[in-house]
Amino acid sequence: MEIWAIFVLALVALSNVSVAVVGYLGANGSLRRNKLVGIRTDLTLVNDKAWYVAHSAGGPAITIGAVAGLLAMILPIAVIGLSEIGVIVAAIFAVALMLIGLAIGGVQGHRAARIALSTRA
C-alpha cells in the first residue's frame, strides 16, 4: 500500500473519531459552551441552557454519523481491497456519512435551542 493511501485513511479515520467524541461529549452534557467545537450557531451560543439542550438533541446523530462513517470504511476495502479505488471509495463513504450526521445533528440541535430559548422564563 502506498504512503498516500495510509495518510488518507488515517486522516479520515481520525476526523471521524474526533467528530464522534465531540458528539458523544455533547450528547452526555460534558461539552462546555465554547467557540471551537460543537454545534455553534447564534442560538446555541446564547447561554448554557441553549448549548446543552442543542447538544443533547443533536449529539446522538453526530456520533452515529461519525461511527457509521468509520464502519463504512471497512466495506469498500473488504470488497475492493486496498487499491487506489478502494481507498478513495472508503474515504468518500466515511466523509459522506460523517457530514450527513453533522448536518442532521446540527439542524436538530439548532431547533432544540430555538425551542428552549422561546420557552425560557
PDB file of N, CA and C in Angstrom:
ATOM      1  N   MET A   1       0.852  -1.176   0.000  1.00  0.00           N
ATOM      2  CA  MET A   1       0.000   0.000   0.000  1.00  0.00           C
ATOM      3  C   MET A   1       0.897   1.237   0.000  1.00  0.00           C
ATOM      4  N   GLU A   2       0.506   2.218  -0.789  1.00  0.00           N
ATOM      5  CA  GLU A   2       1.297   3.429  -0.896  1.00  0.00           C
ATOM      6  C   GLU A   2       1.084   4.327   0.310  1.00  0.00           C
ATOM      7  N   ILE A   3       2.042   5.221   0.531  1.00  0.00           N
ATOM      8  CA  ILE A   3       2.015   6.095   1.699  1.00  0.00           C
ATOM      9  C   ILE A   3       0.814   7.036   1.669  1.00  0.00           C
ATOM     10  N   TRP A   4       0.424   7.505   0.481  1.00  0.00           N
ATOM     11  CA  TRP A   4      -0.710   8.419   0.405  1.00  0.00           C
ATOM     12  C   TRP A   4      -1.986   7.731   0.868  1.00  0.00           C
ATOM     13  N   ALA A   5      -2.128   6.438   0.577  1.00  0.00           N
ATOM     14  CA  ALA A   5      -3.326   5.706   0.976  1.00  0.00           C
ATOM     15  C   ALA A   5      -3.403   5.585   2.496  1.00  0.00           C
ATOM     16  N   ILE A   6      -2.278   5.301   3.108  1.00  0.00           N
ATOM     17  CA  ILE A   6      -2.231   5.231   4.572  1.00  0.00           C
ATOM     18  C   ILE A   6      -2.581   6.586   5.166  1.00  0.00           C
ATOM     19  N   PHE A   7      -2.017   7.645   4.595  1.00  0.00           N
ATOM     20  CA  PHE A   7      -2.280   9.001   5.082  1.00  0.00           C
ATOM     21  C   PHE A   7      -3.763   9.347   4.959  1.00  0.00           C
ATOM     22  N   VAL A   8      -4.362   9.068   3.813  1.00  0.00           N
ATOM     23  CA  VAL A   8      -5.780   9.383   3.594  1.00  0.00           C
ATOM     24  C   VAL A   8      -6.663   8.611   4.568  1.00  0.00           C
ATOM     25  N   LEU A   9      -6.433   7.314   4.685  1.00  0.00           N
ATOM     26  CA  LEU A   9      -7.249   6.503   5.595  1.00  0.00           C
ATOM     27  C   LEU A   9      -7.086   6.953   7.044  1.00  0.00           C
ATOM     28  N   ALA A  10      -5.866   7.254   7.443  1.00  0.00           N
ATOM     29  CA  ALA A  10      -5.623   7.708   8.815  1.00  0.00           C
ATOM     30  C   ALA A  10      -6.284   9.058   9.069  1.00  0.00           C
ATOM     31  N   LEU A  11      -6.170   9.971   8.127  1.00  0.00           N
ATOM     32  CA  LEU A  11      -6.761  11.299   8.288  1.00  0.00           C
ATOM     33  C   LEU A  11      -8.283  11.228   8.367  1.00  0.00           C
ATOM     34  N   VAL A  12      -8.880  10.447   7.502  1.00  0.00           N
ATOM     35  CA  VAL A  12     -10.339  10.308   7.507  1.00  0.00           C
ATOM     36  C   VAL A  12     -10.800   9.609   8.788  1.00  0.00           C
ATOM     37  N   ALA A  13     -10.106   8.562   9.190  1.00  0.00           N
ATOM     38  CA  ALA A  13     -10.470   7.855  10.425  1.00  0.00           C
ATOM     39  C   ALA A  13     -10.330   8.775  11.635  1.00  0.00           C
ATOM     40  N   LEU A  14      -9.247   9.534  11.705  1.00  0.00           N
ATOM     41  CA  LEU A  14      -9.036  10.465  12.822  1.00  0.00           C
ATOM     42  C   LEU A  14     -10.120  11.539  12.846  1.00  0.00           C
ATOM     43  N   SER A  15     -10.500  12.028  11.682  1.00  0.00           N
ATOM     44  CA  SER A  15     -11.572  13.025  11.609  1.00  0.00           C
ATOM     45  C   SER A  15     -12.878  12.453  12.148  1.00  0.00           C
ATOM     46  N   ASN A  16     -13.212  11.247  11.726  1.00  0.00           N
ATOM     47  CA  ASN A  16     -14.448  10.625  12.196  1.00  0.00           C
ATOM     48  C   ASN A  16     -14.409  10.350  13.695  1.00  0.00           C
ATOM     49  N   VAL A  17     -13.280   9.896  14.193  1.00  0.00           N
ATOM     50  CA  VAL A  17     -13.158   9.650  15.635  1.00  0.00           C
ATOM     51  C   VAL A  17     -13.317  10.958  16.406  1.00  0.00           C
ATOM     52  N   SER A  18     -12.694  12.017  15.930  1.00  0.00           N
ATOM     53  CA  SER A  18     -12.796  13.321  16.601  1.00  0.00           C
ATOM     54  C   SER A  18     -14.239  13.808  16.644  1.00  0.00           C
ATOM     55  N   VAL A  19     -14.931  13.702  15.529  1.00  0.00           N
ATOM     56  CA  VAL A  19     -16.332  14.130  15.476  1.00  0.00           C
ATOM     57  C   VAL A  19     -17.196  13.246  16.377  1.00  0.00           C
ATOM     58  N   ALA A  20     -16.936  11.951  16.391  1.00  0.00           N
ATOM     59  CA  ALA A  20     -17.701  11.042  17.255  1.00  0.00           C
ATOM     60  C   ALA A  20     -17.513  11.397  18.730  1.00  0.00           C
ATOM     61  N   VAL A  21     -16.298  11.712  19.116  1.00  0.00           N
ATOM     62  CA  VAL A  21     -16.021  12.071  20.515  1.00  0.00           C
ATOM     63  C   VAL A  21     -16.740  13.367  20.884  1.00  0.00           C
ATOM     64  N   VAL A  22     -16.668  14.370  20.020  1.00  0.00           N
ATOM     65  CA  VAL A  22     -17.353  15.636  20.294  1.00  0.00           C
ATOM     66  C   VAL A  22     -18.865  15.412  20.369  1.00  0.00           C
ATOM     67  N   GLY A  23     -19.415  14.614  19.463  1.00  0.00           N
ATOM     68  CA  GLY A  23     -20.846  14.312  19.505  1.00  0.00           C
ATOM     69  C   GLY A  23     -21.240  13.607  20.787  1.00  0.00           C
ATOM     70  N   TYR A  24     -20.425  12.646  21.202  1.00  0.00           N
ATOM     71  CA  TYR A  24     -20.702  11.908  22.437  1.00  0.00           C
ATOM     72  C   TYR A  24     -20.627  12.828  23.652  1.00  0.00           C
ATOM     73  N   LEU A  25     -19.575  13.634  23.727  1.00  0.00           N
ATOM     74  CA  LEU A  25     -19.433  14.551  24.862  1.00  0.00           C
ATOM     75  C   LEU A  25     -20.585  15.548  24.909  1.00  0.00           C
ATOM     76  N   GLY A  26     -21.006  16.013  23.745  1.00  0.00           N
ATOM     77  CA  GLY A  26     -22.138  16.929  23.702  1.00  0.00           C
ATOM     78  C   GLY A  26     -23.426  16.255  24.133  1.00  0.00           C
ATOM     79  N   ALA A  27     -23.639  15.047  23.675  1.00  0.00           N
ATOM     80  CA  ALA A  27     -24.875  14.329  23.991  1.00  0.00           C
ATOM     81  C   ALA A  27     -25.011  14.027  25.475  1.00  0.00           C
ATOM     82  N   ASN A  28     -23.895  13.754  26.145  1.00  0.00           N
ATOM     83  CA  ASN A  28     -23.999  13.425  27.573  1.00  0.00           C
ATOM     84  C   ASN A  28     -23.764  14.626  28.487  1.00  0.00           C
ATOM     85  N   GLY A  29     -23.656  15.827  27.908  1.00  0.00           N
ATOM     86  CA  GLY A  29     -23.565  17.046  28.713  1.00  0.00           C
ATOM     87  C   GLY A  29     -22.181  17.390  29.209  1.00  0.00           C
ATOM     88  N   SER A  30     -21.152  16.746  28.694  1.00  0.00           N
ATOM     89  CA  SER A  30     -19.783  17.005  29.151  1.00  0.00           C
ATOM     90  C   SER A  30     -19.070  18.100  28.361  1.00  0.00           C
ATOM     91  N   LEU A  31     -19.647  18.524  27.262  1.00  0.00           N
ATOM     92  CA  LEU A  31     -19.002  19.525  26.409  1.00  0.00           C
ATOM     93  C   LEU A  31     -19.478  20.912  26.820  1.00  0.00           C
ATOM     94  N   ARG A  32     -18.555  21.697  27.364  1.00  0.00           N
ATOM     95  CA  ARG A  32     -18.915  23.047  27.802  1.00  0.00           C
ATOM     96  C   ARG A  32     -19.056  23.984  26.605  1.00  0.00           C
ATOM     97  N   ARG A  33     -19.822  25.036  26.813  1.00  0.00           N
ATOM     98  CA  ARG A  33     -20.022  26.027  25.754  1.00  0.00           C
ATOM     99  C   ARG A  33     -18.681  26.641  25.372  1.00  0.00           C
ATOM    100  N   ASN A  34     -18.411  26.668  24.074  1.00  0.00           N
ATOM    101  CA  ASN A  34     -17.150  27.203  23.568  1.00  0.00           C
ATOM    102  C   ASN A  34     -17.347  27.635  22.123  1.00  0.00           C
ATOM    103  N   LYS A  35     -16.325  28.247  21.569  1.00  0.00           N
ATOM    104  CA  LYS A  35     -16.421  28.703  20.176  1.00  0.00           C
ATOM    105  C   LYS A  35     -15.526  27.902  19.248  1.00  0.00           C
ATOM    106  N   LEU A  36     -15.102  26.719  19.692  1.00  0.00           N
ATOM    107  CA  LEU A  36     -14.201  25.909  18.880  1.00  0.00           C
ATOM    108  C   LEU A  36     -14.870  24.647  18.337  1.00  0.00           C
ATOM    109  N   VAL A  37     -15.502  23.868  19.197  1.00  0.00           N
ATOM    110  CA  VAL A  37     -16.132  22.617  18.764  1.00  0.00           C
ATOM    111  C   VAL A  37     -17.563  22.538  19.282  1.00  0.00           C
ATOM    112  N   GLY A  38     -18.377  21.777  18.580  1.00  0.00           N
ATOM    113  CA  GLY A  38     -19.760  21.598  18.969  1.00  0.00           C
ATOM    114  C   GLY A  38     -20.695  22.243  17.961  1.00  0.00           C
ATOM    115  N   ILE A  39     -21.965  22.268  18.305  1.00  0.00           N
ATOM    116  CA  ILE A  39     -22.977  22.891  17.453  1.00  0.00           C
ATOM    117  C   ILE A  39     -22.966  24.377  17.778  1.00  0.00           C
ATOM    118  N   ARG A  40     -22.297  25.144  16.951  1.00  0.00           N
ATOM    119  CA  ARG A  40     -22.103  26.564  17.227  1.00  0.00           C
ATOM    120  C   ARG A  40     -22.941  27.406  16.265  1.00  0.00           C
ATOM    121  N   THR A  41     -24.103  27.800  16.716  1.00  0.00           N
ATOM    122  CA  THR A  41     -24.936  28.735  15.959  1.00  0.00           C
ATOM    123  C   THR A  41     -25.212  29.916  16.872  1.00  0.00           C
ATOM    124  N   ASP A  42     -25.805  30.962  16.315  1.00  0.00           N
ATOM    125  CA  ASP A  42     -26.128  32.121  17.148  1.00  0.00           C
ATOM    126  C   ASP A  42     -27.010  31.724  18.331  1.00  0.00           C
ATOM    127  N   LEU A  43     -27.929  30.804  18.104  1.00  0.00           N
ATOM    128  CA  LEU A  43     -28.836  30.400  19.177  1.00  0.00           C
ATOM    129  C   LEU A  43     -28.166  29.508  20.213  1.00  0.00           C
ATOM    130  N   THR A  44     -27.314  28.594  19.782  1.00  0.00           N
ATOM    131  CA  THR A  44     -26.711  27.666  20.747  1.00  0.00           C
ATOM    132  C   THR A  44     -25.686  28.353  21.634  1.00  0.00           C
ATOM    133  N   LEU A  45     -25.163  29.482  21.188  1.00  0.00           N
ATOM    134  CA  LEU A  45     -24.157  30.195  21.978  1.00  0.00           C
ATOM    135  C   LEU A  45     -24.755  31.263  22.885  1.00  0.00           C
ATOM    136  N   VAL A  46     -26.083  31.413  22.893  1.00  0.00           N
ATOM    137  CA  VAL A  46     -26.723  32.449  23.703  1.00  0.00           C
ATOM    138  C   VAL A  46     -26.476  32.222  25.190  1.00  0.00           C
ATOM    139  N   ASN A  47     -26.701  31.006  25.651  1.00  0.00           N
ATOM    140  CA  ASN A  47     -26.480  30.698  27.067  1.00  0.00           C
ATOM    141  C   ASN A  47     -26.240  29.194  27.227  1.00  0.00           C
ATOM    142  N   ASP A  48     -25.920  28.804  28.450  1.00  0.00           N
ATOM    143  CA  ASP A  48     -25.607  27.394  28.701  1.00  0.00           C
ATOM    144  C   ASP A  48     -26.805  26.475  28.462  1.00  0.00           C
ATOM    145  N   LYS A  49     -28.001  26.949  28.811  1.00  0.00           N
ATOM    146  CA  LYS A  49     -29.189  26.105  28.613  1.00  0.00           C
ATOM    147  C   LYS A  49     -29.352  25.756  27.134  1.00  0.00           C
ATOM    148  N   ALA A  50     -29.262  26.751  26.276  1.00  0.00           N
ATOM    149  CA  ALA A  50     -29.407  26.510  24.836  1.00  0.00           C
ATOM    150  C   ALA A  50     -28.307  25.583  24.332  1.00  0.00           C
ATOM    151  N   TRP A  51     -27.095  25.768  24.825  1.00  0.00           N
ATOM    152  CA  TRP A  51     -25.954  24.936  24.413  1.00  0.00           C
ATOM    153  C   TRP A  51     -26.202  23.470  24.766  1.00  0.00           C
ATOM    154  N   TYR A  52     -26.565  23.229  26.036  1.00  0.00           N
ATOM    155  CA  TYR A  52     -26.734  21.843  26.477  1.00  0.00           C
ATOM    156  C   TYR A  52     -27.961  21.177  25.839  1.00  0.00           C
ATOM    157  N   VAL A  53     -29.026  21.920  25.661  1.00  0.00           N
ATOM    158  CA  VAL A  53     -30.216  21.369  25.006  1.00  0.00           C
ATOM    159  C   VAL A  53     -29.897  21.008  23.557  1.00  0.00           C
ATOM    160  N   ALA A  54     -29.188  21.892  22.876  1.00  0.00           N
ATOM    161  CA  ALA A  54     -28.828  21.644  21.473  1.00  0.00           C
ATOM    162  C   ALA A  54     -27.971  20.397  21.334  1.00  0.00           C
ATOM    163  N   HIS A  55     -27.008  20.251  22.204  1.00  0.00           N
ATOM    164  CA  HIS A  55     -26.108  19.103  22.103  1.00  0.00           C
ATOM    165  C   HIS A  55     -26.762  17.808  22.571  1.00  0.00           C
ATOM    166  N   SER A  56     -27.679  17.926  23.501  1.00  0.00           N
ATOM    167  CA  SER A  56     -28.430  16.747  23.916  1.00  0.00           C
ATOM    168  C   SER A  56     -29.291  16.241  22.759  1.00  0.00           C
ATOM    169  N   ALA A  57     -29.842  17.163  21.984  1.00  0.00           N
ATOM    170  CA  ALA A  57     -30.690  16.781  20.849  1.00  0.00           C
ATOM    171  C   ALA A  57     -29.876  16.349  19.636  1.00  0.00           C
ATOM    172  N   GLY A  58     -28.803  17.059  19.333  1.00  0.00           N
ATOM    173  CA  GLY A  58     -28.047  16.797  18.112  1.00  0.00           C
ATOM    174  C   GLY A  58     -26.865  15.870  18.250  1.00  0.00           C
ATOM    175  N   GLY A  59     -26.358  15.723  19.457  1.00  0.00           N
ATOM    176  CA  GLY A  59     -25.169  14.899  19.680  1.00  0.00           C
ATOM    177  C   GLY A  59     -25.289  13.454  19.228  1.00  0.00           C
ATOM    178  N   PRO A  60     -26.410  12.789  19.501  1.00  0.00           N
ATOM    179  CA  PRO A  60     -26.525  11.393  19.052  1.00  0.00           C
ATOM    180  C   PRO A  60     -26.417  11.229  17.538  1.00  0.00           C
ATOM    181  N   ALA A  61     -27.055  12.096  16.768  1.00  0.00           N
ATOM    182  CA  ALA A  61     -26.973  11.986  15.303  1.00  0.00           C
ATOM    183  C   ALA A  61     -25.551  12.222  14.816  1.00  0.00           C
ATOM    184  N   ILE A  62     -24.869  13.160  15.444  1.00  0.00           N
ATOM    185  CA  ILE A  62     -23.481  13.440  15.072  1.00  0.00           C
ATOM    186  C   ILE A  62     -22.608  12.227  15.366  1.00  0.00           C
ATOM    187  N   THR A  63     -22.778  11.649  16.536  1.00  0.00           N
ATOM    188  CA  THR A  63     -21.995  10.471  16.914  1.00  0.00           C
ATOM    189  C   THR A  63     -22.291   9.293  15.988  1.00  0.00           C
ATOM    190  N   ILE A  64     -23.556   9.050  15.730  1.00  0.00           N
ATOM    191  CA  ILE A  64     -23.942   7.933  14.859  1.00  0.00           C
ATOM    192  C   ILE A  64     -23.376   8.117  13.457  1.00  0.00           C
ATOM    193  N   GLY A  65     -23.448   9.327  12.924  1.00  0.00           N
ATOM    194  CA  GLY A  65     -22.910   9.585  11.591  1.00  0.00           C
ATOM    195  C   GLY A  65     -21.417   9.323  11.507  1.00  0.00           C
ATOM    196  N   ALA A  66     -20.685   9.766  12.526  1.00  0.00           N
ATOM    197  CA  ALA A  66     -19.232   9.577  12.525  1.00  0.00           C
ATOM    198  C   ALA A  66     -18.856   8.107  12.696  1.00  0.00           C
ATOM    199  N   VAL A  67     -19.534   7.408  13.583  1.00  0.00           N
ATOM    200  CA  VAL A  67     -19.250   5.982  13.784  1.00  0.00           C
ATOM    201  C   VAL A  67     -19.650   5.185  12.540  1.00  0.00           C
ATOM    202  N   ALA A  68     -20.782   5.537  11.937  1.00  0.00           N
ATOM    203  CA  ALA A  68     -21.194   4.867  10.697  1.00  0.00           C
ATOM    204  C   ALA A  68     -20.160   5.096   9.602  1.00  0.00           C
ATOM    205  N   GLY A  69     -19.595   6.290   9.563  1.00  0.00           N
ATOM    206  CA  GLY A  69     -18.541   6.574   8.598  1.00  0.00           C
ATOM    207  C   GLY A  69     -17.323   5.704   8.809  1.00  0.00           C
ATOM    208  N   LEU A  70     -16.950   5.524  10.063  1.00  0.00           N
ATOM    209  CA  LEU A  70     -15.814   4.640  10.367  1.00  0.00           C
ATOM    210  C   LEU A  70     -16.099   3.214   9.919  1.00  0.00           C
ATOM    211  N   LEU A  71     -17.284   2.737  10.232  1.00  0.00           N
ATOM    212  CA  LEU A  71     -17.643   1.370   9.844  1.00  0.00           C
ATOM    213  C   LEU A  71     -17.761   1.229   8.328  1.00  0.00           C
ATOM    214  N   ALA A  72     -18.218   2.286   7.669  1.00  0.00           N
ATOM    215  CA  ALA A  72     -18.378   2.242   6.214  1.00  0.00           C
ATOM    216  C   ALA A  72     -17.041   2.170   5.490  1.00  0.00           C
ATOM    217  N   MET A  73     -15.970   2.528   6.155  1.00  0.00           N
ATOM    218  CA  MET A  73     -14.644   2.424   5.541  1.00  0.00           C
ATOM    219  C   MET A  73     -14.263   0.962   5.315  1.00  0.00           C
ATOM    220  N   ILE A  74     -14.826   0.083   6.111  1.00  0.00           N
ATOM    221  CA  ILE A  74     -14.451  -1.330   6.051  1.00  0.00           C
ATOM    222  C   ILE A  74     -14.973  -2.001   4.779  1.00  0.00           C
ATOM    223  N   LEU A  75     -16.206  -1.701   4.394  1.00  0.00           N
ATOM    224  CA  LEU A  75     -16.836  -2.400   3.269  1.00  0.00           C
ATOM    225  C   LEU A  75     -16.083  -2.249   1.944  1.00  0.00           C
ATOM    226  N   PRO A  76     -15.788  -1.029   1.493  1.00  0.00           N
ATOM    227  CA  PRO A  76     -15.079  -0.935   0.210  1.00  0.00           C
ATOM    228  C   PRO A  76     -13.700  -1.590   0.242  1.00  0.00           C
ATOM    229  N   ILE A  77     -13.029  -1.484   1.370  1.00  0.00           N
ATOM    230  CA  ILE A  77     -11.699  -2.091   1.473  1.00  0.00           C
ATOM    231  C   ILE A  77     -11.819  -3.612   1.465  1.00  0.00           C
ATOM    232  N   ALA A  78     -12.863  -4.139   2.125  1.00  0.00           N
ATOM    233  CA  ALA A  78     -13.061  -5.589   2.142  1.00  0.00           C
ATOM    234  C   ALA A  78     -13.434  -6.118   0.759  1.00  0.00           C
ATOM    235  N   VAL A  79     -14.248  -5.365   0.027  1.00  0.00           N
ATOM    236  CA  VAL A  79     -14.711  -5.819  -1.284  1.00  0.00           C
ATOM    237  C   VAL A  79     -13.691  -5.528  -2.379  1.00  0.00           C
ATOM    238  N   ILE A  80     -13.199  -4.294  -2.406  1.00  0.00           N
ATOM    239  CA  ILE A  80     -12.305  -3.863  -3.484  1.00  0.00           C
ATOM    240  C   ILE A  80     -10.838  -4.081  -3.130  1.00  0.00           C
ATOM    241  N   GLY A  81     -10.543  -3.999  -1.834  1.00  0.00           N
ATOM    242  CA  GLY A  81      -9.160  -4.135  -1.389  1.00  0.00           C
ATOM    243  C   GLY A  81      -8.515  -2.780  -1.174  1.00  0.00           C
ATOM    244  N   LEU A  82      -7.259  -2.810  -0.811  1.00  0.00           N
ATOM    245  CA  LEU A  82      -6.535  -1.576  -0.536  1.00  0.00           C
ATOM    246  C   LEU A  82      -5.937  -0.979  -1.808  1.00  0.00           C
ATOM    247  N   SER A  83      -6.661  -1.106  -2.877  1.00  0.00           N
ATOM    248  CA  SER A  83      -6.243  -0.495  -4.137  1.00  0.00           C
ATOM    249  C   SER A  83      -6.560   0.998  -4.086  1.00  0.00           C
ATOM    250  N   GLU A  84      -6.147   1.699  -5.095  1.00  0.00           N
ATOM    251  CA  GLU A  84      -6.407   3.132  -5.170  1.00  0.00           C
ATOM    252  C   GLU A  84      -7.906   3.417  -5.099  1.00  0.00           C
ATOM    253  N   ILE A  85      -8.682   2.709  -5.876  1.00  0.00           N
ATOM    254  CA  ILE A  85     -10.127   2.933  -5.892  1.00  0.00           C
ATOM    255  C   ILE A  85     -10.770   2.522  -4.567  1.00  0.00           C
ATOM    256  N   GLY A  86     -10.294   1.460  -3.943  1.00  0.00           N
ATOM    257  CA  GLY A  86     -10.827   1.034  -2.650  1.00  0.00           C
ATOM    258  C   GLY A  86     -10.631   2.085  -1.578  1.00  0.00           C
ATOM    259  N   VAL A  87      -9.451   2.687  -1.548  1.00  0.00           N
ATOM    260  CA  VAL A  87      -9.153   3.730  -0.561  1.00  0.00           C
ATOM    261  C   VAL A  87     -10.011   4.964  -0.824  1.00  0.00           C
ATOM    262  N   ILE A  88     -10.141   5.341  -2.081  1.00  0.00           N
ATOM    263  CA  ILE A  88     -10.935   6.526  -2.423  1.00  0.00           C
ATOM    264  C   ILE A  88     -12.406   6.321  -2.061  1.00  0.00           C
ATOM    265  N   VAL A  89     -12.954   5.170  -2.396  1.00  0.00           N
ATOM    266  CA  VAL A  89     -14.358   4.883  -2.080  1.00  0.00           C
ATOM    267  C   VAL A  89     -14.559   4.832  -0.565  1.00  0.00           C
ATOM    268  N   ALA A  90     -13.641   4.225   0.153  1.00  0.00           N
ATOM    269  CA  ALA A  90     -13.742   4.157   1.617  1.00  0.00           C
ATOM    270  C   ALA A  90     -13.736   5.559   2.221  1.00  0.00           C
ATOM    271  N   ALA A  91     -12.852   6.417   1.736  1.00  0.00           N
ATOM    272  CA  ALA A  91     -12.770   7.784   2.250  1.00  0.00           C
ATOM    273  C   ALA A  91     -14.045   8.561   1.937  1.00  0.00           C
ATOM    274  N   ILE A  92     -14.566   8.397   0.738  1.00  0.00           N
ATOM    275  CA  ILE A  92     -15.799   9.100   0.360  1.00  0.00           C
ATOM    276  C   ILE A  92     -16.968   8.641   1.226  1.00  0.00           C
ATOM    277  N   PHE A  93     -17.116   7.332   1.426  1.00  0.00           N
ATOM    278  CA  PHE A  93     -18.183   6.813   2.289  1.00  0.00           C
ATOM    279  C   PHE A  93     -18.069   7.397   3.697  1.00  0.00           C
ATOM    280  N   ALA A  94     -16.873   7.366   4.253  1.00  0.00           N
ATOM    281  CA  ALA A  94     -16.664   7.818   5.628  1.00  0.00           C
ATOM    282  C   ALA A  94     -16.977   9.298   5.783  1.00  0.00           C
ATOM    283  N   VAL A  95     -16.483  10.103   4.876  1.00  0.00           N
ATOM    284  CA  VAL A  95     -16.711  11.547   4.961  1.00  0.00           C
ATOM    285  C   VAL A  95     -18.184  11.871   4.715  1.00  0.00           C
ATOM    286  N   ALA A  96     -18.804  11.207   3.751  1.00  0.00           N
ATOM    287  CA  ALA A  96     -20.217  11.469   3.452  1.00  0.00           C
ATOM    288  C   ALA A  96     -21.109  11.164   4.654  1.00  0.00           C
ATOM    289  N   LEU A  97     -20.908  10.021   5.275  1.00  0.00           N
ATOM    290  CA  LEU A  97     -21.737   9.667   6.436  1.00  0.00           C
ATOM    291  C   LEU A  97     -21.479  10.597   7.613  1.00  0.00           C
ATOM    292  N   MET A  98     -20.227  10.990   7.809  1.00  0.00           N
ATOM    293  CA  MET A  98     -19.911  11.930   8.878  1.00  0.00           C
ATOM    294  C   MET A  98     -20.616  13.263   8.625  1.00  0.00           C
ATOM    295  N   LEU A  99     -20.576  13.770   7.391  1.00  0.00           N
ATOM    296  CA  LEU A  99     -21.217  15.044   7.066  1.00  0.00           C
ATOM    297  C   LEU A  99     -22.734  14.971   7.186  1.00  0.00           C
ATOM    298  N   ILE A 100     -23.310  13.835   6.819  1.00  0.00           N
ATOM    299  CA  ILE A 100     -24.754  13.663   6.982  1.00  0.00           C
ATOM    300  C   ILE A 100     -25.120  13.720   8.468  1.00  0.00           C
ATOM    301  N   GLY A 101     -24.354  13.030   9.304  1.00  0.00           N
ATOM    302  CA  GLY A 101     -24.593  13.078  10.746  1.00  0.00           C
ATOM    303  C   GLY A 101     -24.438  14.481  11.306  1.00  0.00           C
ATOM    304  N   LEU A 102     -23.418  15.206  10.842  1.00  0.00           N
ATOM    305  CA  LEU A 102     -23.211  16.586  11.291  1.00  0.00           C
ATOM    306  C   LEU A 102     -24.375  17.481  10.876  1.00  0.00           C
ATOM    307  N   ALA A 103     -24.839  17.317   9.655  1.00  0.00           N
ATOM    308  CA  ALA A 103     -25.948  18.145   9.174  1.00  0.00           C
ATOM    309  C   ALA A 103     -27.230  17.865   9.954  1.00  0.00           C
ATOM    310  N   ILE A 104     -27.555  16.593  10.112  1.00  0.00           N
ATOM    311  CA  ILE A 104     -28.773  16.233  10.843  1.00  0.00           C
ATOM    312  C   ILE A 104     -28.671  16.681  12.297  1.00  0.00           C
ATOM    313  N   GLY A 105     -27.549  16.396  12.940  1.00  0.00           N
ATOM    314  CA  GLY A 105     -27.363  16.796  14.332  1.00  0.00           C
ATOM    315  C   GLY A 105     -27.369  18.303  14.515  1.00  0.00           C
ATOM    316  N   GLY A 106     -26.766  19.011  13.588  1.00  0.00           N
ATOM    317  CA  GLY A 106     -26.749  20.471  13.667  1.00  0.00           C
ATOM    318  C   GLY A 106     -28.142  21.067  13.564  1.00  0.00           C
ATOM    319  N   VAL A 107     -28.934  20.554  12.641  1.00  0.00           N
ATOM    320  CA  VAL A 107     -30.308  21.042  12.485  1.00  0.00           C
ATOM    321  C   VAL A 107     -31.139  20.688  13.719  1.00  0.00           C
ATOM    322  N   GLN A 108     -31.016  19.450  14.196  1.00  0.00           N
ATOM    323  CA  GLN A 108     -31.757  19.050  15.398  1.00  0.00           C
ATOM    324  C   GLN A 108     -31.364  19.913  16.593  1.00  0.00           C
ATOM    325  N   GLY A 109     -30.074  20.146  16.751  1.00  0.00           N
ATOM    326  CA  GLY A 109     -29.599  20.955  17.866  1.00  0.00           C
ATOM    327  C   GLY A 109     -30.067  22.391  17.785  1.00  0.00           C
ATOM    328  N   HIS A 110     -29.982  22.978  16.601  1.00  0.00           N
ATOM    329  CA  HIS A 110     -30.423  24.365  16.418  1.00  0.00           C
ATOM    330  C   HIS A 110     -31.909  24.499  16.728  1.00  0.00           C
ATOM    331  N   ARG A 111     -32.707  23.557  16.243  1.00  0.00           N
ATOM    332  CA  ARG A 111     -34.149  23.591  16.515  1.00  0.00           C
ATOM    333  C   ARG A 111     -34.435  23.449  18.006  1.00  0.00           C
ATOM    334  N   ALA A 112     -33.719  22.550  18.663  1.00  0.00           N
ATOM    335  CA  ALA A 112     -33.926  22.357  20.103  1.00  0.00           C
ATOM    336  C   ALA A 112     -33.544  23.614  20.877  1.00  0.00           C
ATOM    337  N   ALA A 113     -32.465  24.278  20.472  1.00  0.00           N
ATOM    338  CA  ALA A 113     -32.050  25.518  21.137  1.00  0.00           C
ATOM    339  C   ALA A 113     -33.105  26.603  20.940  1.00  0.00           C
ATOM    340  N   ARG A 114     -33.659  26.684  19.734  1.00  0.00           N
ATOM    341  CA  ARG A 114     -34.696  27.691  19.461  1.00  0.00           C
ATOM    342  C   ARG A 114     -35.911  27.458  20.355  1.00  0.00           C
ATOM    343  N   ILE A 115     -36.313  26.206  20.490  1.00  0.00           N
ATOM    344  CA  ILE A 115     -37.459  25.881  21.343  1.00  0.00           C
ATOM    345  C   ILE A 115     -37.137  26.195  22.800  1.00  0.00           C
ATOM    346  N   ALA A 116     -35.933  25.836  23.251  1.00  0.00           N
ATOM    347  CA  ALA A 116     -35.544  26.087  24.644  1.00  0.00           C
ATOM    348  C   ALA A 116     -35.514  27.578  24.944  1.00  0.00           C
ATOM    349  N   LEU A 117     -35.039  28.373  24.000  1.00  0.00           N
ATOM    350  CA  LEU A 117     -34.967  29.818  24.223  1.00  0.00           C
ATOM    351  C   LEU A 117     -36.345  30.467  24.162  1.00  0.00           C
ATOM    352  N   SER A 118     -37.248  29.918  23.373  1.00  0.00           N
ATOM    353  CA  SER A 118     -38.588  30.508  23.271  1.00  0.00           C
ATOM    354  C   SER A 118     -39.453  30.166  24.473  1.00  0.00           C
ATOM    355  N   THR A 119     -39.096  29.116  25.215  1.00  0.00           N
ATOM    356  CA  THR A 119     -39.892  28.713  26.379  1.00  0.00           C
ATOM    357  C   THR A 119     -39.251  29.095  27.697  1.00  0.00           C
ATOM    358  N   ARG A 120     -38.139  29.834  27.642  1.00  0.00           N
ATOM    359  CA  ARG A 120     -37.482  30.181  28.913  1.00  0.00           C
ATOM    360  C   ARG A 120     -38.303  31.217  29.664  1.00  0.00           C
ATOM    361  N   ALA A 121     -38.180  31.167  30.978  1.00  0.00           N
ATOM    362  CA  ALA A 121     -38.969  32.061  31.823  1.00  0.00           C
ATOM    363  C   ALA A 121     -38.239  33.339  32.103  1.00  0.00           C
TER     364      ALA A 121
END
